Amino acid sequence: MFLQVGLILAAVVAFIVLIIVISLLASAIRVIPEYQRAVRFRLGRITGLLGPGLVFIVPIIDTIVRYDLRIEVVDVPQQKALTKDNVEVTIDAAVYLRVVDPLKVAVTVKNHVPAVATFAAATLRDVVGMVDLDTLLSHREEIAKKIADIVDEHVTPWGVKVTGVAIRDIRLPETLVRAMASQAEAERLRRAKITIASAEYEASKIYLEAAETYAKNTVAVQLRQIDALLEMAREHNLIIVTPSSLEFVALPLALSKAAQQQAAQQQGGPQQGQSSG
């Protein structure tokens, strides 16, 4: 009886020990992906960098902190800033960063993502305050690169690399937007008036040259008048009455009309002869 109880207790103890061993082994084996690295702390001290692949740690004694080596996109909260010419703008930006030294990150900064975002926001306001509105709108990429360089220089000792800053949106006050729209419309009207005035100037030069040519040659004027009359007659089927200044035009027109009548009579004559025969 006592032997059976002892065997049962021994089996229970062995089962419990087996469960503990399996759980310890499971906690001692970790898999680190290729895009991650793990910093190992043993009794509070850094002992090295682990990964990628299958790694082993001592349960209870060792702890690890994982860091992603891929590029992270950090949204910078919308910032209101004053430009150099005292215009208030609202800027929406994003920071691209990656961890390059997990050991430095582990011992330097508690949470590197919000830390970089906060410093980037402050740098954004400072840089915007050093330029005027026109420069901010027309040189957005240069300003973003300047912000990225300043932030990267500050966070490099943390083991973090800033690869770029993107200014996604710049919002202006409504009054300023309306004023800029009015200015753009006025500029378009100015260009249109200049274009029309230039065209009229070129046309007046051509008219002046034509007038000088007509003044030197009266026959050219009369020929131009004939062309105008012929065009009017052809388009509107009009009867032309020539003024005294165009007497020489009347003769060609009369001869042309007489020739047409004679041709009509000649065509009608033979037909009448055939019908009478």
C-alpha atoms as a PDB file:
ATOM      1  CA  MET A   1       0.000   0.000   0.000  1.00  0.00           C
ATOM      2  CA  PHE A   2       2.715   2.464   0.990  1.00  0.00           C
ATOM      3  CA  LEU A   3       4.732   1.365  -2.037  1.00  0.00           C
ATOM      4  CA  GLN A   4       1.887   2.211  -4.383  1.00  0.00           C
ATOM      5  CA  VAL A   5       1.417   5.630  -2.761  1.00  0.00           C
ATOM      6  CA  GLY A   6       5.150   6.301  -3.092  1.00  0.00           C
ATOM      7  CA  LEU A   7       5.098   5.348  -6.750  1.00  0.00           C
ATOM      8  CA  ILE A   8       2.144   7.640  -7.406  1.00  0.00           C
ATOM      9  CA  LEU A   9       3.854  10.568  -5.619  1.00  0.00           C
ATOM     10  CA  ALA A  10       7.047   9.934  -7.537  1.00  0.00           C
ATOM     11  CA  ALA A  11       5.142   9.888 -10.821  1.00  0.00           C
ATOM     12  CA  VAL A  12       3.390  13.153  -9.944  1.00  0.00           C
ATOM     13  CA  VAL A  13       6.676  14.807  -8.986  1.00  0.00           C
ATOM     14  CA  ALA A  14       8.327  13.562 -12.167  1.00  0.00           C
ATOM     15  CA  PHE A  15       5.453  14.887 -14.233  1.00  0.00           C
ATOM     16  CA  ILE A  16       5.659  18.294 -12.556  1.00  0.00           C
ATOM     17  CA  VAL A  17       9.427  18.407 -13.060  1.00  0.00           C
ATOM     18  CA  LEU A  18       8.972  17.447 -16.711  1.00  0.00           C
ATOM     19  CA  ILE A  19       6.477  20.256 -17.207  1.00  0.00           C
ATOM     20  CA  ILE A  20       8.854  22.740 -15.567  1.00  0.00           C
ATOM     21  CA  VAL A  21      11.767  21.559 -17.713  1.00  0.00           C
ATOM     22  CA  ILE A  22       9.718  21.798 -20.894  1.00  0.00           C
ATOM     23  CA  SER A  23       8.536  25.297 -20.019  1.00  0.00           C
ATOM     24  CA  LEU A  24      12.093  26.388 -19.210  1.00  0.00           C
ATOM     25  CA  LEU A  25      13.370  24.968 -22.473  1.00  0.00           C
ATOM     26  CA  ALA A  26      10.570  26.683 -24.345  1.00  0.00           C
ATOM     27  CA  SER A  27      11.430  30.009 -22.733  1.00  0.00           C
ATOM     28  CA  ALA A  28      15.123  29.474 -23.415  1.00  0.00           C
ATOM     29  CA  ILE A  29      14.649  29.093 -27.180  1.00  0.00           C
ATOM     30  CA  ARG A  30      13.868  32.186 -29.219  1.00  0.00           C
ATOM     31  CA  VAL A  31      13.624  32.820 -32.954  1.00  0.00           C
ATOM     32  CA  ILE A  32      14.832  36.198 -34.206  1.00  0.00           C
ATOM     33  CA  PRO A  33      13.733  37.172 -37.773  1.00  0.00           C
ATOM     34  CA  GLU A  34      16.208  38.544 -40.279  1.00  0.00           C
ATOM     35  CA  TYR A  35      14.852  42.101 -39.909  1.00  0.00           C
ATOM     36  CA  GLN A  36      15.202  42.129 -36.113  1.00  0.00           C
ATOM     37  CA  ARG A  37      17.999  42.051 -33.533  1.00  0.00           C
ATOM     38  CA  ALA A  38      17.753  41.304 -29.825  1.00  0.00           C
ATOM     39  CA  VAL A  39      19.804  42.890 -27.057  1.00  0.00           C
ATOM     40  CA  ARG A  40      20.455  40.403 -24.239  1.00  0.00           C
ATOM     41  CA  PHE A  41      20.534  41.545 -20.620  1.00  0.00           C
ATOM     42  CA  ARG A  42      21.956  39.114 -18.058  1.00  0.00           C
ATOM     43  CA  LEU A  43      21.195  40.155 -14.498  1.00  0.00           C
ATOM     44  CA  GLY A  44      20.776  43.738 -15.758  1.00  0.00           C
ATOM     45  CA  ARG A  45      23.971  43.891 -17.810  1.00  0.00           C
ATOM     46  CA  ILE A  46      24.186  43.886 -21.592  1.00  0.00           C
ATOM     47  CA  THR A  47      26.017  40.777 -22.754  1.00  0.00           C
ATOM     48  CA  GLY A  48      25.614  41.084 -26.505  1.00  0.00           C
ATOM     49  CA  LEU A  49      23.465  41.200 -29.579  1.00  0.00           C
ATOM     50  CA  LEU A  50      21.462  38.155 -30.686  1.00  0.00           C
ATOM     51  CA  GLY A  51      20.028  37.145 -34.053  1.00  0.00           C
ATOM     52  CA  PRO A  52      18.982  36.481 -36.623  1.00  0.00           C
ATOM     53  CA  GLY A  53      17.894  32.862 -36.367  1.00  0.00           C
ATOM     54  CA  LEU A  54      17.565  30.453 -33.426  1.00  0.00           C
ATOM     55  CA  VAL A  55      19.054  31.780 -30.164  1.00  0.00           C
ATOM     56  CA  PHE A  56      19.228  30.422 -26.624  1.00  0.00           C
ATOM     57  CA  ILE A  57      18.971  32.359 -23.377  1.00  0.00           C
ATOM     58  CA  VAL A  58      19.135  31.358 -19.747  1.00  0.00           C
ATOM     59  CA  PRO A  59      15.618  31.475 -18.298  1.00  0.00           C
ATOM     60  CA  ILE A  60      14.988  33.867 -15.407  1.00  0.00           C
ATOM     61  CA  ILE A  61      18.560  35.191 -15.617  1.00  0.00           C
ATOM     62  CA  ASP A  62      18.476  36.537 -19.170  1.00  0.00           C
ATOM     63  CA  THR A  63      16.048  38.990 -20.746  1.00  0.00           C
ATOM     64  CA  ILE A  64      16.016  40.300 -24.308  1.00  0.00           C
ATOM     65  CA  VAL A  65      14.736  43.462 -25.978  1.00  0.00           C
ATOM     66  CA  ARG A  66      13.948  43.279 -29.684  1.00  0.00           C
ATOM     67  CA  TYR A  67      14.520  46.102 -32.181  1.00  0.00           C
ATOM     68  CA  ASP A  68      13.229  46.295 -35.739  1.00  0.00           C
ATOM     69  CA  LEU A  69      15.895  47.267 -38.270  1.00  0.00           C
ATOM     70  CA  ARG A  70      13.439  48.198 -41.013  1.00  0.00           C
ATOM     71  CA  ILE A  71      12.584  51.781 -41.932  1.00  0.00           C
ATOM     72  CA  GLU A  72       9.776  53.177 -39.806  1.00  0.00           C
ATOM     73  CA  VAL A  73       7.443  55.998 -40.784  1.00  0.00           C
ATOM     74  CA  VAL A  74       6.727  58.295 -37.862  1.00  0.00           C
ATOM     75  CA  ASP A  75       3.904  60.820 -38.179  1.00  0.00           C
ATOM     76  CA  VAL A  76       4.805  64.214 -36.803  1.00  0.00           C
ATOM     77  CA  PRO A  77       1.775  65.891 -35.210  1.00  0.00           C
ATOM     78  CA  GLN A  78       0.449  68.913 -37.111  1.00  0.00           C
ATOM     79  CA  GLN A  79       2.527  71.923 -36.166  1.00  0.00           C
ATOM     80  CA  LYS A  80       1.514  75.583 -36.255  1.00  0.00           C
ATOM     81  CA  ALA A  81       4.473  77.809 -36.991  1.00  0.00           C
ATOM     82  CA  LEU A  82       5.189  81.403 -37.964  1.00  0.00           C
ATOM     83  CA  THR A  83       7.238  82.052 -41.072  1.00  0.00           C
ATOM     84  CA  LYS A  84       9.878  84.741 -41.306  1.00  0.00           C
ATOM     85  CA  ASP A  85       7.298  87.166 -42.707  1.00  0.00           C
ATOM     86  CA  ASN A  86       4.875  86.451 -39.807  1.00  0.00           C
ATOM     87  CA  VAL A  87       2.424  84.166 -41.623  1.00  0.00           C
ATOM     88  CA  GLU A  88       0.922  81.380 -39.516  1.00  0.00           C
ATOM     89  CA  VAL A  89       0.934  78.028 -41.305  1.00  0.00           C
ATOM     90  CA  THR A  90      -0.065  74.513 -40.274  1.00  0.00           C
ATOM     91  CA  ILE A  91       2.354  71.824 -41.447  1.00  0.00           C
ATOM     92  CA  ASP A  92       1.842  68.065 -41.591  1.00  0.00           C
ATOM     93  CA  ALA A  93       5.062  66.034 -41.896  1.00  0.00           C
ATOM     94  CA  ALA A  94       6.470  62.521 -41.528  1.00  0.00           C
ATOM     95  CA  VAL A  95       9.910  61.225 -40.530  1.00  0.00           C
ATOM     96  CA  TYR A  96      11.569  58.114 -41.975  1.00  0.00           C
ATOM     97  CA  LEU A  97      13.997  56.457 -39.572  1.00  0.00           C
ATOM     98  CA  ARG A  98      15.661  53.143 -38.834  1.00  0.00           C
ATOM     99  CA  VAL A  99      17.637  51.616 -35.976  1.00  0.00           C
ATOM    100  CA  VAL A 100      21.279  51.112 -36.957  1.00  0.00           C
ATOM    101  CA  ASP A 101      22.789  50.275 -33.552  1.00  0.00           C
ATOM    102  CA  PRO A 102      20.432  48.421 -31.198  1.00  0.00           C
ATOM    103  CA  LEU A 103      23.010  48.423 -28.373  1.00  0.00           C
ATOM    104  CA  LYS A 104      23.133  52.241 -28.332  1.00  0.00           C
ATOM    105  CA  VAL A 105      19.367  52.508 -28.536  1.00  0.00           C
ATOM    106  CA  ALA A 106      18.959  50.107 -25.600  1.00  0.00           C
ATOM    107  CA  VAL A 107      21.137  52.147 -23.241  1.00  0.00           C
ATOM    108  CA  THR A 108      20.536  55.689 -24.590  1.00  0.00           C
ATOM    109  CA  VAL A 109      16.826  56.289 -25.174  1.00  0.00           C
ATOM    110  CA  LYS A 110      13.810  54.664 -23.579  1.00  0.00           C
ATOM    111  CA  ASN A 111      11.462  54.922 -26.578  1.00  0.00           C
ATOM    112  CA  HIS A 112      13.196  56.197 -29.669  1.00  0.00           C
ATOM    113  CA  VAL A 113      10.106  56.647 -31.897  1.00  0.00           C
ATOM    114  CA  PRO A 114       8.276  59.356 -29.891  1.00  0.00           C
ATOM    115  CA  ALA A 115      11.616  60.926 -28.998  1.00  0.00           C
ATOM    116  CA  VAL A 116      12.511  61.390 -32.677  1.00  0.00           C
ATOM    117  CA  ALA A 117       8.997  62.646 -33.482  1.00  0.00           C
ATOM    118  CA  THR A 118       9.129  65.260 -30.711  1.00  0.00           C
ATOM    119  CA  PHE A 119      12.543  66.550 -31.763  1.00  0.00           C
ATOM    120  CA  ALA A 120      11.485  66.608 -35.425  1.00  0.00           C
ATOM    121  CA  ALA A 121       8.427  68.720 -34.538  1.00  0.00           C
ATOM    122  CA  ALA A 122      10.572  71.263 -32.690  1.00  0.00           C
ATOM    123  CA  THR A 123      13.082  71.380 -35.548  1.00  0.00           C
ATOM    124  CA  LEU A 124      10.262  71.835 -38.051  1.00  0.00           C
ATOM    125  CA  ARG A 125       8.994  74.931 -36.243  1.00  0.00           C
ATOM    126  CA  ASP A 126      12.503  76.377 -36.005  1.00  0.00           C
ATOM    127  CA  VAL A 127      13.308  75.885 -39.691  1.00  0.00           C
ATOM    128  CA  VAL A 128       9.954  77.281 -40.837  1.00  0.00           C
ATOM    129  CA  GLY A 129      10.576  80.370 -38.723  1.00  0.00           C
ATOM    130  CA  MET A 130      13.794  81.050 -40.662  1.00  0.00           C
ATOM    131  CA  VAL A 131      12.173  81.234 -44.141  1.00  0.00           C
ATOM    132  CA  ASP A 132       9.415  83.333 -45.675  1.00  0.00           C
ATOM    133  CA  LEU A 133       6.168  81.957 -47.071  1.00  0.00           C
ATOM    134  CA  ASP A 134       7.211  82.042 -50.727  1.00  0.00           C
ATOM    135  CA  THR A 135      10.369  80.056 -49.964  1.00  0.00           C
ATOM    136  CA  LEU A 136       8.403  77.559 -47.893  1.00  0.00           C
ATOM    137  CA  LEU A 137       5.943  76.918 -50.718  1.00  0.00           C
ATOM    138  CA  SER A 138       8.445  76.830 -53.592  1.00  0.00           C
ATOM    139  CA  HIS A 139      11.382  75.035 -51.888  1.00  0.00           C
ATOM    140  CA  ARG A 140       9.588  72.394 -49.870  1.00  0.00           C
ATOM    141  CA  GLU A 141      12.073  69.616 -50.661  1.00  0.00           C
ATOM    142  CA  GLU A 142      15.105  71.697 -49.663  1.00  0.00           C
ATOM    143  CA  ILE A 143      13.479  72.624 -46.351  1.00  0.00           C
ATOM    144  CA  ALA A 144      12.550  68.980 -45.675  1.00  0.00           C
ATOM    145  CA  LYS A 145      16.158  67.920 -46.361  1.00  0.00           C
ATOM    146  CA  LYS A 146      17.451  70.588 -43.989  1.00  0.00           C
ATOM    147  CA  ILE A 147      15.111  69.347 -41.246  1.00  0.00           C
ATOM    148  CA  ALA A 148      16.216  65.749 -41.863  1.00  0.00           C
ATOM    149  CA  ASP A 149      19.905  66.701 -41.595  1.00  0.00           C
ATOM    150  CA  ILE A 150      19.386  68.529 -38.305  1.00  0.00           C
ATOM    151  CA  VAL A 151      17.326  65.717 -36.753  1.00  0.00           C
ATOM    152  CA  ASP A 152      19.737  63.041 -37.990  1.00  0.00           C
ATOM    153  CA  GLU A 153      22.706  64.861 -36.484  1.00  0.00           C
ATOM    154  CA  HIS A 154      20.928  64.983 -33.125  1.00  0.00           C
ATOM    155  CA  VAL A 155      19.709  61.363 -33.000  1.00  0.00           C
ATOM    156  CA  THR A 156      22.798  59.639 -34.424  1.00  0.00           C
ATOM    157  CA  PRO A 157      24.294  59.183 -30.911  1.00  0.00           C
ATOM    158  CA  TRP A 158      21.134  57.261 -30.036  1.00  0.00           C
ATOM    159  CA  GLY A 159      21.878  54.621 -32.669  1.00  0.00           C
ATOM    160  CA  VAL A 160      19.066  55.870 -34.930  1.00  0.00           C
ATOM    161  CA  LYS A 161      19.412  57.035 -38.544  1.00  0.00           C
ATOM    162  CA  VAL A 162      16.936  59.508 -40.072  1.00  0.00           C
ATOM    163  CA  THR A 163      16.713  58.740 -43.790  1.00  0.00           C
ATOM    164  CA  GLY A 164      14.356  61.551 -44.713  1.00  0.00           C
ATOM    165  CA  VAL A 165      11.595  63.975 -43.819  1.00  0.00           C
ATOM    166  CA  ALA A 166       8.500  64.526 -45.961  1.00  0.00           C
ATOM    167  CA  ILE A 167       6.366  67.678 -45.710  1.00  0.00           C
ATOM    168  CA  ARG A 168       2.997  66.286 -46.719  1.00  0.00           C
ATOM    169  CA  ASP A 169       0.775  69.335 -46.418  1.00  0.00           C
ATOM    170  CA  ILE A 170       1.029  73.074 -45.783  1.00  0.00           C
ATOM    171  CA  ARG A 171      -2.216  74.772 -44.796  1.00  0.00           C
ATOM    172  CA  LEU A 172      -2.613  78.518 -45.031  1.00  0.00           C
ATOM    173  CA  PRO A 173      -5.185  80.824 -43.384  1.00  0.00           C
ATOM    174  CA  GLU A 174      -8.396  81.269 -45.365  1.00  0.00           C
ATOM    175  CA  THR A 175      -7.884  85.022 -45.742  1.00  0.00           C
ATOM    176  CA  LEU A 176      -4.443  84.444 -47.207  1.00  0.00           C
ATOM    177  CA  VAL A 177      -5.756  81.788 -49.593  1.00  0.00           C
ATOM    178  CA  ARG A 178      -8.380  84.217 -50.911  1.00  0.00           C
ATOM    179  CA  ALA A 179      -5.777  86.962 -51.264  1.00  0.00           C
ATOM    180  CA  MET A 180      -3.452  84.647 -53.195  1.00  0.00           C
ATOM    181  CA  ALA A 181      -6.309  83.581 -55.463  1.00  0.00           C
ATOM    182  CA  SER A 182      -7.138  87.237 -56.181  1.00  0.00           C
ATOM    183  CA  GLN A 183      -3.491  87.943 -56.892  1.00  0.00           C
ATOM    184  CA  ALA A 184      -3.276  85.003 -59.292  1.00  0.00           C
ATOM    185  CA  GLU A 185      -6.431  86.124 -61.087  1.00  0.00           C
ATOM    186  CA  ALA A 186      -5.090  89.668 -61.416  1.00  0.00           C
ATOM    187  CA  GLU A 187      -1.848  88.304 -62.820  1.00  0.00           C
ATOM    188  CA  ARG A 188      -3.738  86.256 -65.431  1.00  0.00           C
ATOM    189  CA  LEU A 189      -5.780  89.319 -66.434  1.00  0.00           C
ATOM    190  CA  ARG A 190      -2.612  91.381 -66.737  1.00  0.00           C
ATOM    191  CA  ARG A 191      -1.034  88.795 -69.037  1.00  0.00           C
ATOM    192  CA  ALA A 192      -4.207  88.593 -71.139  1.00  0.00           C
ATOM    193  CA  LYS A 193      -4.317  92.374 -71.579  1.00  0.00           C
ATOM    194  CA  ILE A 194      -0.643  92.442 -72.511  1.00  0.00           C
ATOM    195  CA  THR A 195      -1.237  89.715 -75.097  1.00  0.00           C
ATOM    196  CA  ILE A 196      -4.214  91.574 -76.600  1.00  0.00           C
ATOM    197  CA  ALA A 197      -2.304  94.861 -76.660  1.00  0.00           C
ATOM    198  CA  SER A 198       0.674  93.182 -78.343  1.00  0.00           C
ATOM    199  CA  ALA A 199      -1.610  91.672 -80.989  1.00  0.00           C
ATOM    200  CA  GLU A 200      -3.239  95.045 -81.655  1.00  0.00           C
ATOM    201  CA  TYR A 201       0.161  96.689 -81.883  1.00  0.00           C
ATOM    202  CA  GLU A 202       1.358  94.124 -84.440  1.00  0.00           C
ATOM    203  CA  ALA A 203      -1.882  94.521 -86.407  1.00  0.00           C
ATOM    204  CA  SER A 204      -1.550  98.321 -86.420  1.00  0.00           C
ATOM    205  CA  LYS A 205       1.971  97.989 -87.802  1.00  0.00           C
ATOM    206  CA  ILE A 206       0.695  95.790 -90.627  1.00  0.00           C
ATOM    207  CA  TYR A 207      -2.185  98.193 -91.320  1.00  0.00           C
ATOM    208  CA  LEU A 208       0.265 101.097 -91.437  1.00  0.00           C
ATOM    209  CA  GLU A 209       2.496  99.291 -93.918  1.00  0.00           C
ATOM    210  CA  ALA A 210      -0.545  98.465 -96.075  1.00  0.00           C
ATOM    211  CA  ALA A 211      -1.699 102.095 -95.945  1.00  0.00           C
ATOM    212  CA  GLU A 212       1.732 103.302 -97.033  1.00  0.00           C
ATOM    213  CA  THR A 213       1.661 100.841 -99.942  1.00  0.00           C
ATOM    214  CA  TYR A 214      -1.819 101.964-101.020  1.00  0.00           C
ATOM    215  CA  ALA A 215      -0.820 105.624-100.741  1.00  0.00           C
ATOM    216  CA  LYS A 216       2.054 105.057-103.144  1.00  0.00           C
ATOM    217  CA  ASN A 217      -0.008 103.066-105.671  1.00  0.00           C
ATOM    218  CA  THR A 218      -3.603 104.122-106.415  1.00  0.00           C
ATOM    219  CA  VAL A 219      -4.125 101.129-108.682  1.00  0.00           C
ATOM    220  CA  ALA A 220      -3.568  98.835-105.728  1.00  0.00           C
ATOM    221  CA  VAL A 221      -6.341 100.625-103.839  1.00  0.00           C
ATOM    222  CA  GLN A 222      -8.745 100.254-106.752  1.00  0.00           C
ATOM    223  CA  LEU A 223      -7.872  96.559-107.138  1.00  0.00           C
ATOM    224  CA  ARG A 224      -8.522  96.038-103.466  1.00  0.00           C
ATOM    225  CA  GLN A 225     -11.903  97.715-103.856  1.00  0.00           C
ATOM    226  CA  ILE A 226     -12.732  95.432-106.772  1.00  0.00           C
ATOM    227  CA  ASP A 227     -11.840  92.373-104.706  1.00  0.00           C
ATOM    228  CA  ALA A 228     -14.046  93.570-101.871  1.00  0.00           C
ATOM    229  CA  LEU A 229     -16.974  94.159-104.234  1.00  0.00           C
ATOM    230  CA  LEU A 230     -16.594  90.767-105.870  1.00  0.00           C
ATOM    231  CA  GLU A 231     -16.485  89.019-102.515  1.00  0.00           C
ATOM    232  CA  MET A 232     -19.605  90.818-101.347  1.00  0.00           C
ATOM    233  CA  ALA A 233     -21.439  90.016-104.567  1.00  0.00           C
ATOM    234  CA  ARG A 234     -20.461  86.368-104.478  1.00  0.00           C
ATOM    235  CA  GLU A 235     -21.378  85.820-100.820  1.00  0.00           C
ATOM    236  CA  HIS A 236     -24.647  87.769-100.735  1.00  0.00           C
ATOM    237  CA  ASN A 237     -25.802  87.598-104.391  1.00  0.00           C
ATOM    238  CA  LEU A 238     -25.926  91.381-104.680  1.00  0.00           C
ATOM    239  CA  ILE A 239     -26.259  93.792-107.612  1.00  0.00           C
ATOM    240  CA  ILE A 240     -23.231  96.068-107.593  1.00  0.00           C
ATOM    241  CA  VAL A 241     -23.652  99.758-108.353  1.00  0.00           C
ATOM    242  CA  THR A 242     -20.185 101.235-108.867  1.00  0.00           C
ATOM    243  CA  PRO A 243     -19.424 104.800-107.721  1.00  0.00           C
ATOM    244  CA  SER A 244     -17.839 107.375-109.984  1.00  0.00           C
ATOM    245  CA  SER A 245     -14.422 106.679-108.497  1.00  0.00           C
ATOM    246  CA  LEU A 246     -14.681 103.157-109.900  1.00  0.00           C
ATOM    247  CA  GLU A 247     -15.784 104.043-113.433  1.00  0.00           C
ATOM    248  CA  PHE A 248     -13.096 101.847-114.907  1.00  0.00           C
ATOM    249  CA  VAL A 249     -14.728  98.933-113.098  1.00  0.00           C
ATOM    250  CA  ALA A 250     -18.086  99.486-114.777  1.00  0.00           C
ATOM    251  CA  LEU A 251     -16.754  98.786-118.267  1.00  0.00           C
ATOM    252  CA  PRO A 252     -15.328  95.318-117.479  1.00  0.00           C
ATOM    253  CA  LEU A 253     -18.515  94.433-115.627  1.00  0.00           C
ATOM    254  CA  ALA A 254     -20.681  95.636-118.559  1.00  0.00           C
ATOM    255  CA  LEU A 255     -18.562  93.750-121.088  1.00  0.00           C
ATOM    256  CA  SER A 256     -18.774  90.631-118.976  1.00  0.00           C
ATOM    257  CA  LYS A 257     -22.540  90.943-118.743  1.00  0.00           C
ATOM    258  CA  ALA A 258     -22.865  91.534-122.489  1.00  0.00           C
ATOM    259  CA  ALA A 259     -20.724  88.495-123.220  1.00  0.00           C
ATOM    260  CA  GLN A 260     -22.926  86.363-120.982  1.00  0.00           C
ATOM    261  CA  GLN A 261     -26.096  87.592-122.728  1.00  0.00           C
ATOM    262  CA  GLN A 262     -24.591  86.967-126.191  1.00  0.00           C
ATOM    263  CA  ALA A 263     -23.612  83.440-125.208  1.00  0.00           C
ATOM    264  CA  ALA A 264     -27.112  82.788-123.984  1.00  0.00           C
ATOM    265  CA  GLN A 265     -28.633  84.054-127.241  1.00  0.00           C
ATOM    266  CA  GLN A 266     -26.292  81.926-129.336  1.00  0.00           C
ATOM    267  CA  GLN A 267     -27.308  78.839-127.398  1.00  0.00           C
ATOM    268  CA  GLY A 268     -30.967  79.722-127.712  1.00  0.00           C
ATOM    269  CA  GLY A 269     -30.805  80.496-131.471  1.00  0.00           C
ATOM    270  CA  PRO A 270     -29.985  77.030-132.808  1.00  0.00           C
ATOM    271  CA  GLN A 271     -32.536  75.477-130.516  1.00  0.00           C
ATOM    272  CA  GLN A 272     -35.251  77.745-131.898  1.00  0.00           C
ATOM    273  CA  GLY A 273     -34.144  76.924-135.456  1.00  0.00           C
ATOM    274  CA  GLN A 274     -34.448  73.246-134.894  1.00  0.00           C
ATOM    275  CA  SER A 275     -37.839  73.587-133.386  1.00  0.00           C
ATOM    276  CA  SER A 276     -39.109  75.666-136.320  1.00  0.00           C
ATOM    277  CA  GLY A 277     -37.828  73.163-138.909  1.00  0.00           C
END
